Amino acid sequence: MENNPKNQDHFEGILLQSAIGKFLSHELIGAMSIIRIDEIEYETDLLTEEAKAQLLSVQHTDQKIAELQRDLAIAQTARASYANALRELLGHGVEGSAHPAAGLQVRH
């Protein structure tokens, strides 16, 4: 894996929780890149190619999880807005008072 300063800058000082629940942080110290996994520090330049590939996979997966969490928050906000609009159309209002709008039939 080639040393990419953009990737290093992106993860500098960020504490990430991986899918297996262990903590990983990545930071730059001088010209040396260090990752911390389970409180043990490793110089990324000294990792095997296989370990570097796994690290990159963890980082990409964490990015995807964060992106999906942002998308979920957007969808949940939109859903709440649609539900509130529906309540108002049905005469419930945001407070939940059950007064059907004129012309609507209510079944109990």
C-alpha atoms as a PDB file:
ATOM      1  CA  MET A   1       0.000   0.000   0.000  1.00  0.00           C
ATOM      2  CA  GLU A   2       1.394   3.371  -0.978  1.00  0.00           C
ATOM      3  CA  ASN A   3       1.691   6.045   1.720  1.00  0.00           C
ATOM      4  CA  ASN A   4      -1.035   8.526   0.853  1.00  0.00           C
ATOM      5  CA  PRO A   5      -0.888  11.790   2.827  1.00  0.00           C
ATOM      6  CA  LYS A   6      -4.552  12.466   2.008  1.00  0.00           C
ATOM      7  CA  ASN A   7      -5.607   9.247   3.767  1.00  0.00           C
ATOM      8  CA  GLN A   8      -3.331  10.033   6.699  1.00  0.00           C
ATOM      9  CA  ASP A   9      -4.704  13.563   7.060  1.00  0.00           C
ATOM     10  CA  HIS A  10      -8.273  12.296   6.892  1.00  0.00           C
ATOM     11  CA  PHE A  11      -7.772   9.921   9.815  1.00  0.00           C
ATOM     12  CA  GLU A  12      -5.417  12.094  11.865  1.00  0.00           C
ATOM     13  CA  GLY A  13      -6.459  12.138  15.494  1.00  0.00           C
ATOM     14  CA  ILE A  14      -9.799  10.383  14.863  1.00  0.00           C
ATOM     15  CA  LEU A  15     -10.865   7.612  17.190  1.00  0.00           C
ATOM     16  CA  LEU A  16     -12.851   5.008  15.293  1.00  0.00           C
ATOM     17  CA  GLN A  17     -14.716   2.004  16.582  1.00  0.00           C
ATOM     18  CA  SER A  18     -14.411  -0.925  14.242  1.00  0.00           C
ATOM     19  CA  ALA A  19     -17.135  -3.463  13.555  1.00  0.00           C
ATOM     20  CA  ILE A  20     -15.567  -5.863  16.042  1.00  0.00           C
ATOM     21  CA  GLY A  21     -15.853  -3.275  18.810  1.00  0.00           C
ATOM     22  CA  LYS A  22     -12.157  -2.559  19.184  1.00  0.00           C
ATOM     23  CA  PHE A  23     -10.761   0.934  19.006  1.00  0.00           C
ATOM     24  CA  LEU A  24      -8.444   2.172  16.317  1.00  0.00           C
ATOM     25  CA  SER A  25      -6.913   5.593  16.048  1.00  0.00           C
ATOM     26  CA  HIS A  26      -4.604   6.923  13.403  1.00  0.00           C
ATOM     27  CA  GLU A  27      -2.363   9.924  13.779  1.00  0.00           C
ATOM     28  CA  LEU A  28       0.731  11.489  12.310  1.00  0.00           C
ATOM     29  CA  ILE A  29       3.752  11.981  14.513  1.00  0.00           C
ATOM     30  CA  GLY A  30       6.329  13.941  12.563  1.00  0.00           C
ATOM     31  CA  ALA A  31       6.723  12.146   9.242  1.00  0.00           C
ATOM     32  CA  MET A  32       5.781   8.824  10.824  1.00  0.00           C
ATOM     33  CA  SER A  33       2.229   7.490  10.728  1.00  0.00           C
ATOM     34  CA  ILE A  34       1.052   5.624  13.835  1.00  0.00           C
ATOM     35  CA  ILE A  35      -2.090   3.598  14.403  1.00  0.00           C
ATOM     36  CA  ARG A  36      -3.308   2.481  17.802  1.00  0.00           C
ATOM     37  CA  ILE A  37      -5.270  -0.747  18.051  1.00  0.00           C
ATOM     38  CA  ASP A  38      -6.362  -1.991  21.478  1.00  0.00           C
ATOM     39  CA  GLU A  39      -4.006   0.505  23.172  1.00  0.00           C
ATOM     40  CA  ILE A  40      -0.954  -0.782  21.231  1.00  0.00           C
ATOM     41  CA  GLU A  41       0.772   1.589  18.801  1.00  0.00           C
ATOM     42  CA  TYR A  42       2.078   0.460  15.413  1.00  0.00           C
ATOM     43  CA  GLU A  43       4.067   2.337  12.791  1.00  0.00           C
ATOM     44  CA  THR A  44       2.149   1.920   9.553  1.00  0.00           C
ATOM     45  CA  ASP A  45       5.379   1.899   7.536  1.00  0.00           C
ATOM     46  CA  LEU A  46       6.420  -1.272   9.357  1.00  0.00           C
ATOM     47  CA  LEU A  47       3.167  -3.182   8.790  1.00  0.00           C
ATOM     48  CA  THR A  48       3.098  -6.043   6.314  1.00  0.00           C
ATOM     49  CA  GLU A  49       1.319  -5.440   3.031  1.00  0.00           C
ATOM     50  CA  GLU A  50      -1.483  -7.731   4.205  1.00  0.00           C
ATOM     51  CA  ALA A  51      -1.860  -5.763   7.467  1.00  0.00           C
ATOM     52  CA  LYS A  52      -1.891  -2.474   5.503  1.00  0.00           C
ATOM     53  CA  ALA A  53      -4.615  -3.865   3.249  1.00  0.00           C
ATOM     54  CA  GLN A  54      -6.677  -4.918   6.289  1.00  0.00           C
ATOM     55  CA  LEU A  55      -6.178  -1.481   7.878  1.00  0.00           C
ATOM     56  CA  LEU A  56      -7.357   0.189   4.686  1.00  0.00           C
ATOM     57  CA  SER A  57     -10.407  -2.099   4.631  1.00  0.00           C
ATOM     58  CA  VAL A  58     -11.243  -1.188   8.246  1.00  0.00           C
ATOM     59  CA  GLN A  59     -10.886   2.518   7.450  1.00  0.00           C
ATOM     60  CA  HIS A  60     -13.066   2.284   4.332  1.00  0.00           C
ATOM     61  CA  THR A  61     -15.662   0.262   6.226  1.00  0.00           C
ATOM     62  CA  ASP A  62     -15.724   2.822   9.050  1.00  0.00           C
ATOM     63  CA  GLN A  63     -16.216   5.586   6.461  1.00  0.00           C
ATOM     64  CA  LYS A  64     -19.115   3.659   4.920  1.00  0.00           C
ATOM     65  CA  ILE A  65     -20.704   3.066   8.330  1.00  0.00           C
ATOM     66  CA  ALA A  66     -20.468   6.796   9.119  1.00  0.00           C
ATOM     67  CA  GLU A  67     -21.991   7.629   5.727  1.00  0.00           C
ATOM     68  CA  LEU A  68     -24.848   5.179   6.298  1.00  0.00           C
ATOM     69  CA  GLN A  69     -25.450   6.590   9.787  1.00  0.00           C
ATOM     70  CA  ARG A  70     -25.723  10.101   8.274  1.00  0.00           C
ATOM     71  CA  ASP A  71     -28.135   8.780   5.620  1.00  0.00           C
ATOM     72  CA  LEU A  72     -30.206   7.041   8.302  1.00  0.00           C
ATOM     73  CA  ALA A  73     -30.420  10.266  10.334  1.00  0.00           C
ATOM     74  CA  ILE A  74     -31.609  12.132   7.223  1.00  0.00           C
ATOM     75  CA  ALA A  75     -34.207   9.446   6.475  1.00  0.00           C
ATOM     76  CA  GLN A  76     -35.447   9.414  10.083  1.00  0.00           C
ATOM     77  CA  THR A  77     -35.806  13.205  10.051  1.00  0.00           C
ATOM     78  CA  ALA A  78     -37.711  13.082   6.768  1.00  0.00           C
ATOM     79  CA  ARG A  79     -39.972  10.306   8.065  1.00  0.00           C
ATOM     80  CA  ALA A  80     -40.815  12.292  11.196  1.00  0.00           C
ATOM     81  CA  SER A  81     -41.656  15.306   9.028  1.00  0.00           C
ATOM     82  CA  TYR A  82     -43.892  13.233   6.743  1.00  0.00           C
ATOM     83  CA  ALA A  83     -45.624  11.646   9.748  1.00  0.00           C
ATOM     84  CA  ASN A  84     -46.280  15.079  11.275  1.00  0.00           C
ATOM     85  CA  ALA A  85     -47.677  16.358   7.969  1.00  0.00           C
ATOM     86  CA  LEU A  86     -49.946  13.284   7.768  1.00  0.00           C
ATOM     87  CA  ARG A  87     -51.154  13.834  11.353  1.00  0.00           C
ATOM     88  CA  GLU A  88     -52.058  17.421  10.482  1.00  0.00           C
ATOM     89  CA  LEU A  89     -53.865  16.324   7.300  1.00  0.00           C
ATOM     90  CA  LEU A  90     -55.847  13.805   9.326  1.00  0.00           C
ATOM     91  CA  GLY A  91     -56.743  16.442  11.896  1.00  0.00           C
ATOM     92  CA  HIS A  92     -54.576  15.144  14.706  1.00  0.00           C
ATOM     93  CA  GLY A  93     -52.157  18.040  14.743  1.00  0.00           C
ATOM     94  CA  VAL A  94     -48.649  17.667  16.030  1.00  0.00           C
ATOM     95  CA  GLU A  95     -49.872  17.452  19.634  1.00  0.00           C
ATOM     96  CA  GLY A  96     -51.922  14.368  18.792  1.00  0.00           C
ATOM     97  CA  SER A  97     -55.392  15.799  19.470  1.00  0.00           C
ATOM     98  CA  ALA A  98     -57.882  13.611  17.612  1.00  0.00           C
ATOM     99  CA  HIS A  99     -60.118  16.036  15.691  1.00  0.00           C
ATOM    100  CA  PRO A 100     -60.600  14.641  12.181  1.00  0.00           C
ATOM    101  CA  ALA A 101     -60.506  17.107   9.345  1.00  0.00           C
ATOM    102  CA  ALA A 102     -63.854  17.903   7.708  1.00  0.00           C
ATOM    103  CA  GLY A 103     -65.012  15.219   5.303  1.00  0.00           C
ATOM    104  CA  LEU A 104     -62.869  12.422   6.796  1.00  0.00           C
ATOM    105  CA  GLN A 105     -64.508   9.333   8.162  1.00  0.00           C
ATOM    106  CA  VAL A 106     -62.964   7.816  11.256  1.00  0.00           C
ATOM    107  CA  ARG A 107     -63.279   4.115  12.080  1.00  0.00           C
ATOM    108  CA  HIS A 108     -62.646   2.831  15.582  1.00  0.00           C
END
